[in-house]
Amino acid sequence: MQQARVLHQATAKAARVFTGFAYTTRHSWSCARRVVAKAEYLDKGENPRFVVTSLTPEQWPDQPLYEKFYCARGEMENRIKEQMCLFATALHR
């Protein structure tokens, strides 16, 4: 977050920094997992996000995994929810 904060202060624009690391829980996971972290600093403050994945860095480097794979999936899920809401609204009429 410190790097993102410094970039934001220098540019007065939203700043994002990505990194990946291995993480393991004490009990619930059987092995270490890859985590991709997004440290984002906006005018309103910090906006950290974390994605746990089984995809390797060779398949998907940190930033593309977050921006192109994970965010695209979330956008697709939002479109599906919108369609469900339209369908539910049509049924209520």
PDB file of N, CA and C in Angstrom:
ATOM      1  N   MET A   1       0.829  -1.188   0.000  1.00  0.00           N
ATOM      2  CA  MET A   1       0.000   0.000   0.000  1.00  0.00           C
ATOM      3  C   MET A   1       0.871   1.249   0.000  1.00  0.00           C
ATOM      4  N   GLN A   2       2.018   1.149   0.638  1.00  0.00           N
ATOM      5  CA  GLN A   2       2.904   2.313   0.697  1.00  0.00           C
ATOM      6  C   GLN A   2       3.313   2.764  -0.706  1.00  0.00           C
ATOM      7  N   GLN A   3       3.675   1.819  -1.580  1.00  0.00           N
ATOM      8  CA  GLN A   3       4.056   2.179  -2.955  1.00  0.00           C
ATOM      9  C   GLN A   3       2.895   2.859  -3.678  1.00  0.00           C
ATOM     10  N   ALA A   4       1.699   2.327  -3.532  1.00  0.00           N
ATOM     11  CA  ALA A   4       0.530   2.904  -4.193  1.00  0.00           C
ATOM     12  C   ALA A   4       0.254   4.300  -3.648  1.00  0.00           C
ATOM     13  N   ARG A   5       0.387   4.486  -2.341  1.00  0.00           N
ATOM     14  CA  ARG A   5       0.170   5.800  -1.729  1.00  0.00           C
ATOM     15  C   ARG A   5       1.164   6.824  -2.275  1.00  0.00           C
ATOM     16  N   VAL A   6       2.432   6.440  -2.359  1.00  0.00           N
ATOM     17  CA  VAL A   6       3.473   7.347  -2.863  1.00  0.00           C
ATOM     18  C   VAL A   6       3.194   7.718  -4.320  1.00  0.00           C
ATOM     19  N   LEU A   7       2.809   6.731  -5.139  1.00  0.00           N
ATOM     20  CA  LEU A   7       2.471   7.015  -6.542  1.00  0.00           C
ATOM     21  C   LEU A   7       1.279   7.958  -6.639  1.00  0.00           C
ATOM     22  N   HIS A   8       0.281   7.749  -5.808  1.00  0.00           N
ATOM     23  CA  HIS A   8      -0.902   8.614  -5.813  1.00  0.00           C
ATOM     24  C   HIS A   8      -0.530  10.042  -5.426  1.00  0.00           C
ATOM     25  N   GLN A   9       0.290  10.179  -4.417  1.00  0.00           N
ATOM     26  CA  GLN A   9       0.706  11.511  -3.981  1.00  0.00           C
ATOM     27  C   GLN A   9       1.530  12.221  -5.042  1.00  0.00           C
ATOM     28  N   ALA A  10       2.306  11.461  -5.798  1.00  0.00           N
ATOM     29  CA  ALA A  10       3.160  12.063  -6.830  1.00  0.00           C
ATOM     30  C   ALA A  10       2.372  12.462  -8.075  1.00  0.00           C
ATOM     31  N   THR A  11       1.301  11.724  -8.390  1.00  0.00           N
ATOM     32  CA  THR A  11       0.571  11.958  -9.638  1.00  0.00           C
ATOM     33  C   THR A  11      -0.825  12.543  -9.446  1.00  0.00           C
ATOM     34  N   ALA A  12      -1.341  12.474  -8.223  1.00  0.00           N
ATOM     35  CA  ALA A  12      -2.719  12.895  -7.921  1.00  0.00           C
ATOM     36  C   ALA A  12      -3.740  12.072  -8.714  1.00  0.00           C
ATOM     37  N   LYS A  13      -3.348  10.868  -9.124  1.00  0.00           N
ATOM     38  CA  LYS A  13      -4.236   9.950  -9.845  1.00  0.00           C
ATOM     39  C   LYS A  13      -4.289   8.629  -9.094  1.00  0.00           C
ATOM     40  N   ALA A  14      -5.327   7.843  -9.385  1.00  0.00           N
ATOM     41  CA  ALA A  14      -5.421   6.513  -8.791  1.00  0.00           C
ATOM     42  C   ALA A  14      -4.154   5.729  -9.114  1.00  0.00           C
ATOM     43  N   ALA A  15      -3.634   5.017  -8.131  1.00  0.00           N
ATOM     44  CA  ALA A  15      -2.395   4.263  -8.323  1.00  0.00           C
ATOM     45  C   ALA A  15      -2.611   2.823  -7.903  1.00  0.00           C
ATOM     46  N   ARG A  16      -2.128   1.897  -8.729  1.00  0.00           N
ATOM     47  CA  ARG A  16      -2.242   0.462  -8.460  1.00  0.00           C
ATOM     48  C   ARG A  16      -0.874  -0.189  -8.498  1.00  0.00           C
ATOM     49  N   VAL A  17      -0.659  -1.083  -7.540  1.00  0.00           N
ATOM     50  CA  VAL A  17       0.556  -1.882  -7.500  1.00  0.00           C
ATOM     51  C   VAL A  17       0.111  -3.330  -7.282  1.00  0.00           C
ATOM     52  N   PHE A  18       0.691  -4.257  -8.022  1.00  0.00           N
ATOM     53  CA  PHE A  18       0.321  -5.668  -7.933  1.00  0.00           C
ATOM     54  C   PHE A  18       1.500  -6.494  -7.446  1.00  0.00           C
ATOM     55  N   THR A  19       1.197  -7.554  -6.715  1.00  0.00           N
ATOM     56  CA  THR A  19       2.221  -8.504  -6.303  1.00  0.00           C
ATOM     57  C   THR A  19       1.568  -9.863  -6.073  1.00  0.00           C
ATOM     58  N   GLY A  20       2.350 -10.888  -6.152  1.00  0.00           N
ATOM     59  CA  GLY A  20       1.861 -12.234  -5.877  1.00  0.00           C
ATOM     60  C   GLY A  20       2.723 -12.885  -4.818  1.00  0.00           C
ATOM     61  N   PHE A  21       2.115 -13.768  -4.033  1.00  0.00           N
ATOM     62  CA  PHE A  21       2.862 -14.467  -2.995  1.00  0.00           C
ATOM     63  C   PHE A  21       2.135 -15.758  -2.632  1.00  0.00           C
ATOM     64  N   ALA A  22       2.850 -16.657  -1.981  1.00  0.00           N
ATOM     65  CA  ALA A  22       2.254 -17.904  -1.495  1.00  0.00           C
ATOM     66  C   ALA A  22       1.732 -17.658  -0.089  1.00  0.00           C
ATOM     67  N   TYR A  23       0.572 -18.235   0.187  1.00  0.00           N
ATOM     68  CA  TYR A  23      -0.040 -18.074   1.508  1.00  0.00           C
ATOM     69  C   TYR A  23      -0.629 -19.408   1.940  1.00  0.00           C
ATOM     70  N   THR A  24      -0.548 -19.679   3.203  1.00  0.00           N
ATOM     71  CA  THR A  24      -1.157 -20.893   3.743  1.00  0.00           C
ATOM     72  C   THR A  24      -1.908 -20.549   5.020  1.00  0.00           C
ATOM     73  N   THR A  25      -3.000 -21.243   5.252  1.00  0.00           N
ATOM     74  CA  THR A  25      -3.749 -21.066   6.489  1.00  0.00           C
ATOM     75  C   THR A  25      -3.237 -22.059   7.518  1.00  0.00           C
ATOM     76  N   ARG A  26      -3.626 -21.864   8.743  1.00  0.00           N
ATOM     77  CA  ARG A  26      -3.174 -22.778   9.793  1.00  0.00           C
ATOM     78  C   ARG A  26      -3.871 -24.130   9.696  1.00  0.00           C
ATOM     79  N   HIS A  27      -5.164 -24.123   9.309  1.00  0.00           N
ATOM     80  CA  HIS A  27      -5.917 -25.376   9.372  1.00  0.00           C
ATOM     81  C   HIS A  27      -6.742 -25.687   8.125  1.00  0.00           C
ATOM     82  N   SER A  28      -7.325 -24.684   7.486  1.00  0.00           N
ATOM     83  CA  SER A  28      -8.357 -24.971   6.489  1.00  0.00           C
ATOM     84  C   SER A  28      -7.840 -25.332   5.089  1.00  0.00           C
ATOM     85  N   TRP A  29      -6.638 -24.964   4.749  1.00  0.00           N
ATOM     86  CA  TRP A  29      -6.099 -25.312   3.431  1.00  0.00           C
ATOM     87  C   TRP A  29      -5.087 -26.442   3.578  1.00  0.00           C
ATOM     88  N   SER A  30      -5.102 -27.360   2.626  1.00  0.00           N
ATOM     89  CA  SER A  30      -4.174 -28.495   2.696  1.00  0.00           C
ATOM     90  C   SER A  30      -2.775 -28.133   2.187  1.00  0.00           C
ATOM     91  N   CYS A  31      -2.663 -27.029   1.460  1.00  0.00           N
ATOM     92  CA  CYS A  31      -1.355 -26.614   0.928  1.00  0.00           C
ATOM     93  C   CYS A  31      -1.342 -25.095   0.741  1.00  0.00           C
ATOM     94  N   ALA A  32      -0.157 -24.573   0.448  1.00  0.00           N
ATOM     95  CA  ALA A  32      -0.025 -23.140   0.181  1.00  0.00           C
ATOM     96  C   ALA A  32      -0.729 -22.801  -1.128  1.00  0.00           C
ATOM     97  N   ARG A  33      -1.288 -21.618  -1.214  1.00  0.00           N
ATOM     98  CA  ARG A  33      -1.982 -21.149  -2.422  1.00  0.00           C
ATOM     99  C   ARG A  33      -1.340 -19.852  -2.903  1.00  0.00           C
ATOM    100  N   ARG A  34      -1.491 -19.606  -4.181  1.00  0.00           N
ATOM    101  CA  ARG A  34      -1.019 -18.350  -4.767  1.00  0.00           C
ATOM    102  C   ARG A  34      -2.066 -17.263  -4.493  1.00  0.00           C
ATOM    103  N   VAL A  35      -1.595 -16.139  -4.021  1.00  0.00           N
ATOM    104  CA  VAL A  35      -2.452 -14.978  -3.796  1.00  0.00           C
ATOM    105  C   VAL A  35      -1.906 -13.839  -4.646  1.00  0.00           C
ATOM    106  N   VAL A  36      -2.796 -13.165  -5.361  1.00  0.00           N
ATOM    107  CA  VAL A  36      -2.431 -11.964  -6.104  1.00  0.00           C
ATOM    108  C   VAL A  36      -3.063 -10.798  -5.360  1.00  0.00           C
ATOM    109  N   ALA A  37      -2.245  -9.818  -5.006  1.00  0.00           N
ATOM    110  CA  ALA A  37      -2.717  -8.660  -4.257  1.00  0.00           C
ATOM    111  C   ALA A  37      -2.671  -7.419  -5.134  1.00  0.00           C
ATOM    112  N   LYS A  38      -3.733  -6.625  -5.031  1.00  0.00           N
ATOM    113  CA  LYS A  38      -3.772  -5.319  -5.685  1.00  0.00           C
ATOM    114  C   LYS A  38      -3.800  -4.281  -4.576  1.00  0.00           C
ATOM    115  N   ALA A  39      -2.775  -3.458  -4.531  1.00  0.00           N
ATOM    116  CA  ALA A  39      -2.747  -2.328  -3.602  1.00  0.00           C
ATOM    117  C   ALA A  39      -3.110  -1.104  -4.425  1.00  0.00           C
ATOM    118  N   GLU A  40      -4.279  -0.552  -4.163  1.00  0.00           N
ATOM    119  CA  GLU A  40      -4.755   0.607  -4.922  1.00  0.00           C
ATOM    120  C   GLU A  40      -4.972   1.763  -3.962  1.00  0.00           C
ATOM    121  N   TYR A  41      -4.540   2.942  -4.381  1.00  0.00           N
ATOM    122  CA  TYR A  41      -4.757   4.140  -3.576  1.00  0.00           C
ATOM    123  C   TYR A  41      -5.513   5.146  -4.420  1.00  0.00           C
ATOM    124  N   LEU A  42      -6.674   5.555  -3.908  1.00  0.00           N
ATOM    125  CA  LEU A  42      -7.564   6.485  -4.604  1.00  0.00           C
ATOM    126  C   LEU A  42      -7.665   7.781  -3.809  1.00  0.00           C
ATOM    127  N   ASP A  43      -8.339   8.761  -4.360  1.00  0.00           N
ATOM    128  CA  ASP A  43      -8.541  10.017  -3.634  1.00  0.00           C
ATOM    129  C   ASP A  43      -9.184   9.776  -2.271  1.00  0.00           C
ATOM    130  N   LYS A  44     -10.073   8.795  -2.195  1.00  0.00           N
ATOM    131  CA  LYS A  44     -10.750   8.506  -0.931  1.00  0.00           C
ATOM    132  C   LYS A  44      -9.956   7.579  -0.012  1.00  0.00           C
ATOM    133  N   GLY A  45      -8.798   7.086  -0.465  1.00  0.00           N
ATOM    134  CA  GLY A  45      -7.952   6.269   0.398  1.00  0.00           C
ATOM    135  C   GLY A  45      -7.604   4.908  -0.184  1.00  0.00           C
ATOM    136  N   GLU A  46      -7.220   4.010   0.713  1.00  0.00           N
ATOM    137  CA  GLU A  46      -6.747   2.678   0.318  1.00  0.00           C
ATOM    138  C   GLU A  46      -7.889   1.796  -0.178  1.00  0.00           C
ATOM    139  N   ASN A  47      -7.563   0.941  -1.171  1.00  0.00           N
ATOM    140  CA  ASN A  47      -8.522  -0.016  -1.708  1.00  0.00           C
ATOM    141  C   ASN A  47      -7.790  -1.321  -2.032  1.00  0.00           C
ATOM    142  N   PRO A  48      -7.415  -2.086  -1.001  1.00  0.00           N
ATOM    143  CA  PRO A  48      -6.698  -3.350  -1.249  1.00  0.00           C
ATOM    144  C   PRO A  48      -7.657  -4.461  -1.668  1.00  0.00           C
ATOM    145  N   ARG A  49      -7.172  -5.364  -2.505  1.00  0.00           N
ATOM    146  CA  ARG A  49      -7.945  -6.535  -2.939  1.00  0.00           C
ATOM    147  C   ARG A  49      -7.000  -7.721  -3.055  1.00  0.00           C
ATOM    148  N   PHE A  50      -7.546  -8.923  -2.830  1.00  0.00           N
ATOM    149  CA  PHE A  50      -6.763 -10.144  -2.892  1.00  0.00           C
ATOM    150  C   PHE A  50      -7.532 -11.208  -3.655  1.00  0.00           C
ATOM    151  N   VAL A  51      -6.830 -11.945  -4.510  1.00  0.00           N
ATOM    152  CA  VAL A  51      -7.424 -13.045  -5.268  1.00  0.00           C
ATOM    153  C   VAL A  51      -6.596 -14.290  -5.003  1.00  0.00           C
ATOM    154  N   VAL A  52      -7.263 -15.356  -4.597  1.00  0.00           N
ATOM    155  CA  VAL A  52      -6.598 -16.644  -4.395  1.00  0.00           C
ATOM    156  C   VAL A  52      -6.838 -17.478  -5.647  1.00  0.00           C
ATOM    157  N   THR A  53      -5.770 -18.060  -6.186  1.00  0.00           N
ATOM    158  CA  THR A  53      -5.890 -18.783  -7.454  1.00  0.00           C
ATOM    159  C   THR A  53      -4.997 -20.009  -7.491  1.00  0.00           C
ATOM    160  N   SER A  54      -5.369 -20.943  -8.341  1.00  0.00           N
ATOM    161  CA  SER A  54      -4.510 -22.106  -8.602  1.00  0.00           C
ATOM    162  C   SER A  54      -3.732 -21.913  -9.905  1.00  0.00           C
ATOM    163  N   LEU A  55      -3.986 -20.812 -10.608  1.00  0.00           N
ATOM    164  CA  LEU A  55      -3.269 -20.524 -11.856  1.00  0.00           C
ATOM    165  C   LEU A  55      -1.847 -20.076 -11.540  1.00  0.00           C
ATOM    166  N   THR A  56      -0.905 -20.517 -12.354  1.00  0.00           N
ATOM    167  CA  THR A  56       0.505 -20.196 -12.107  1.00  0.00           C
ATOM    168  C   THR A  56       0.852 -18.822 -12.665  1.00  0.00           C
ATOM    169  N   PRO A  57       1.935 -18.220 -12.165  1.00  0.00           N
ATOM    170  CA  PRO A  57       2.383 -16.936 -12.713  1.00  0.00           C
ATOM    171  C   PRO A  57       2.770 -17.040 -14.196  1.00  0.00           C
ATOM    172  N   GLU A  58       3.187 -18.228 -14.627  1.00  0.00           N
ATOM    173  CA  GLU A  58       3.516 -18.418 -16.040  1.00  0.00           C
ATOM    174  C   GLU A  58       2.253 -18.372 -16.898  1.00  0.00           C
ATOM    175  N   GLN A  59       1.154 -18.908 -16.385  1.00  0.00           N
ATOM    176  CA  GLN A  59      -0.123 -18.865 -17.098  1.00  0.00           C
ATOM    177  C   GLN A  59      -0.698 -17.454 -17.086  1.00  0.00           C
ATOM    178  N   TRP A  60      -0.675 -16.829 -15.921  1.00  0.00           N
ATOM    179  CA  TRP A  60      -1.258 -15.501 -15.732  1.00  0.00           C
ATOM    180  C   TRP A  60      -0.377 -14.711 -14.772  1.00  0.00           C
ATOM    181  N   PRO A  61       0.441 -13.790 -15.276  1.00  0.00           N
ATOM    182  CA  PRO A  61       1.195 -12.896 -14.381  1.00  0.00           C
ATOM    183  C   PRO A  61       0.227 -12.093 -13.496  1.00  0.00           C
ATOM    184  N   ASP A  62       0.738 -11.535 -12.416  1.00  0.00           N
ATOM    185  CA  ASP A  62      -0.101 -10.914 -11.394  1.00  0.00           C
ATOM    186  C   ASP A  62      -1.106  -9.886 -11.928  1.00  0.00           C
ATOM    187  N   GLN A  63      -0.631  -8.841 -12.576  1.00  0.00           N
ATOM    188  CA  GLN A  63      -1.534  -7.775 -13.016  1.00  0.00           C
ATOM    189  C   GLN A  63      -2.545  -8.252 -14.061  1.00  0.00           C
ATOM    190  N   PRO A  64      -2.141  -8.972 -15.111  1.00  0.00           N
ATOM    191  CA  PRO A  64      -3.145  -9.470 -16.064  1.00  0.00           C
ATOM    192  C   PRO A  64      -4.151 -10.428 -15.423  1.00  0.00           C
ATOM    193  N   LEU A  65      -3.695 -11.249 -14.469  1.00  0.00           N
ATOM    194  CA  LEU A  65      -4.635 -12.151 -13.802  1.00  0.00           C
ATOM    195  C   LEU A  65      -5.735 -11.342 -13.124  1.00  0.00           C
ATOM    196  N   TYR A  66      -5.362 -10.297 -12.422  1.00  0.00           N
ATOM    197  CA  TYR A  66      -6.348  -9.487 -11.712  1.00  0.00           C
ATOM    198  C   TYR A  66      -7.226  -8.697 -12.690  1.00  0.00           C
ATOM    199  N   GLU A  67      -6.581  -7.955 -13.592  1.00  0.00           N
ATOM    200  CA  GLU A  67      -7.336  -7.020 -14.443  1.00  0.00           C
ATOM    201  C   GLU A  67      -8.089  -7.702 -15.587  1.00  0.00           C
ATOM    202  N   LYS A  68      -7.481  -8.677 -16.225  1.00  0.00           N
ATOM    203  CA  LYS A  68      -8.090  -9.271 -17.422  1.00  0.00           C
ATOM    204  C   LYS A  68      -8.907 -10.522 -17.121  1.00  0.00           C
ATOM    205  N   PHE A  69      -8.464 -11.306 -16.155  1.00  0.00           N
ATOM    206  CA  PHE A  69      -9.166 -12.561 -15.855  1.00  0.00           C
ATOM    207  C   PHE A  69     -10.195 -12.358 -14.743  1.00  0.00           C
ATOM    208  N   TYR A  70      -9.739 -11.916 -13.582  1.00  0.00           N
ATOM    209  CA  TYR A  70     -10.625 -11.783 -12.430  1.00  0.00           C
ATOM    210  C   TYR A  70     -11.690 -10.701 -12.636  1.00  0.00           C
ATOM    211  N   CYS A  71     -11.299  -9.512 -13.065  1.00  0.00           N
ATOM    212  CA  CYS A  71     -12.271  -8.425 -13.267  1.00  0.00           C
ATOM    213  C   CYS A  71     -13.249  -8.758 -14.387  1.00  0.00           C
ATOM    214  N   ALA A  72     -12.794  -9.416 -15.433  1.00  0.00           N
ATOM    215  CA  ALA A  72     -13.691  -9.811 -16.526  1.00  0.00           C
ATOM    216  C   ALA A  72     -14.724 -10.808 -16.021  1.00  0.00           C
ATOM    217  N   ARG A  73     -14.310 -11.704 -15.161  1.00  0.00           N
ATOM    218  CA  ARG A  73     -15.248 -12.676 -14.592  1.00  0.00           C
ATOM    219  C   ARG A  73     -16.297 -11.961 -13.743  1.00  0.00           C
ATOM    220  N   GLY A  74     -15.871 -11.017 -12.939  1.00  0.00           N
ATOM    221  CA  GLY A  74     -16.809 -10.255 -12.117  1.00  0.00           C
ATOM    222  C   GLY A  74     -17.788  -9.463 -12.963  1.00  0.00           C
ATOM    223  N   GLU A  75     -17.295  -8.889 -14.048  1.00  0.00           N
ATOM    224  CA  GLU A  75     -18.167  -8.131 -14.956  1.00  0.00           C
ATOM    225  C   GLU A  75     -19.205  -9.050 -15.590  1.00  0.00           C
ATOM    226  N   MET A  76     -18.796 -10.244 -15.975  1.00  0.00           N
ATOM    227  CA  MET A  76     -19.726 -11.213 -16.556  1.00  0.00           C
ATOM    228  C   MET A  76     -20.795 -11.595 -15.528  1.00  0.00           C
ATOM    229  N   GLU A  77     -20.397 -11.819 -14.297  1.00  0.00           N
ATOM    230  CA  GLU A  77     -21.367 -12.162 -13.253  1.00  0.00           C
ATOM    231  C   GLU A  77     -22.357 -11.021 -13.030  1.00  0.00           C
ATOM    232  N   ASN A  78     -21.894  -9.770 -13.106  1.00  0.00           N
ATOM    233  CA  ASN A  78     -22.802  -8.627 -12.967  1.00  0.00           C
ATOM    234  C   ASN A  78     -23.825  -8.590 -14.095  1.00  0.00           C
ATOM    235  N   ARG A  79     -23.401  -8.900 -15.315  1.00  0.00           N
ATOM    236  CA  ARG A  79     -24.336  -8.920 -16.449  1.00  0.00           C
ATOM    237  C   ARG A  79     -25.394 -10.011 -16.260  1.00  0.00           C
ATOM    238  N   ILE A  80     -24.977 -11.161 -15.735  1.00  0.00           N
ATOM    239  CA  ILE A  80     -25.927 -12.251 -15.472  1.00  0.00           C
ATOM    240  C   ILE A  80     -26.939 -11.808 -14.417  1.00  0.00           C
ATOM    241  N   LYS A  81     -26.469 -11.149 -13.363  1.00  0.00           N
ATOM    242  CA  LYS A  81     -27.374 -10.669 -12.319  1.00  0.00           C
ATOM    243  C   LYS A  81     -28.367  -9.654 -12.889  1.00  0.00           C
ATOM    244  N   GLU A  82     -27.896  -8.775 -13.772  1.00  0.00           N
ATOM    245  CA  GLU A  82     -28.787  -7.801 -14.400  1.00  0.00           C
ATOM    246  C   GLU A  82     -29.879  -8.507 -15.191  1.00  0.00           C
ATOM    247  N   GLN A  83     -29.518  -9.540 -15.919  1.00  0.00           N
ATOM    248  CA  GLN A  83     -30.495 -10.293 -16.693  1.00  0.00           C
ATOM    249  C   GLN A  83     -31.516 -10.957 -15.771  1.00  0.00           C
ATOM    250  N   MET A  84     -31.057 -11.492 -14.655  1.00  0.00           N
ATOM    251  CA  MET A  84     -31.969 -12.116 -13.701  1.00  0.00           C
ATOM    252  C   MET A  84     -32.937 -11.100 -13.109  1.00  0.00           C
ATOM    253  N   CYS A  85     -32.445  -9.892 -12.842  1.00  0.00           N
ATOM    254  CA  CYS A  85     -33.317  -8.837 -12.312  1.00  0.00           C
ATOM    255  C   CYS A  85     -34.364  -8.445 -13.344  1.00  0.00           C
ATOM    256  N   LEU A  86     -33.965  -8.329 -14.605  1.00  0.00           N
ATOM    257  CA  LEU A  86     -34.929  -7.992 -15.659  1.00  0.00           C
ATOM    258  C   LEU A  86     -35.987  -9.078 -15.769  1.00  0.00           C
ATOM    259  N   PHE A  87     -35.566 -10.320 -15.680  1.00  0.00           N
ATOM    260  CA  PHE A  87     -36.495 -11.446 -15.772  1.00  0.00           C
ATOM    261  C   PHE A  87     -37.442 -11.434 -14.570  1.00  0.00           C
ATOM    262  N   ALA A  88     -36.915 -11.185 -13.373  1.00  0.00           N
ATOM    263  CA  ALA A  88     -37.750 -11.153 -12.176  1.00  0.00           C
ATOM    264  C   ALA A  88     -38.741 -10.003 -12.230  1.00  0.00           C
ATOM    265  N   THR A  89     -38.325  -8.850 -12.758  1.00  0.00           N
ATOM    266  CA  THR A  89     -39.215  -7.700 -12.893  1.00  0.00           C
ATOM    267  C   THR A  89     -40.352  -8.028 -13.856  1.00  0.00           C
ATOM    268  N   ALA A  90     -40.045  -8.693 -14.943  1.00  0.00           N
ATOM    269  CA  ALA A  90     -41.067  -9.058 -15.945  1.00  0.00           C
ATOM    270  C   ALA A  90     -42.087 -10.015 -15.330  1.00  0.00           C
ATOM    271  N   LEU A  91     -41.665 -10.884 -14.428  1.00  0.00           N
ATOM    272  CA  LEU A  91     -42.576 -11.844 -13.795  1.00  0.00           C
ATOM    273  C   LEU A  91     -43.520 -11.152 -12.807  1.00  0.00           C
ATOM    274  N   HIS A  92     -43.067 -10.062 -12.209  1.00  0.00           N
ATOM    275  CA  HIS A  92     -43.883  -9.351 -11.227  1.00  0.00           C
ATOM    276  C   HIS A  92     -45.016  -8.557 -11.866  1.00  0.00           C
ATOM    277  N   ARG A  93     -44.924  -8.259 -13.118  1.00  0.00           N
ATOM    278  CA  ARG A  93     -45.938  -7.425 -13.765  1.00  0.00           C
ATOM    279  C   ARG A  93     -47.166  -8.165 -14.075  1.00  0.00           C
TER     280      ARG A  93
END
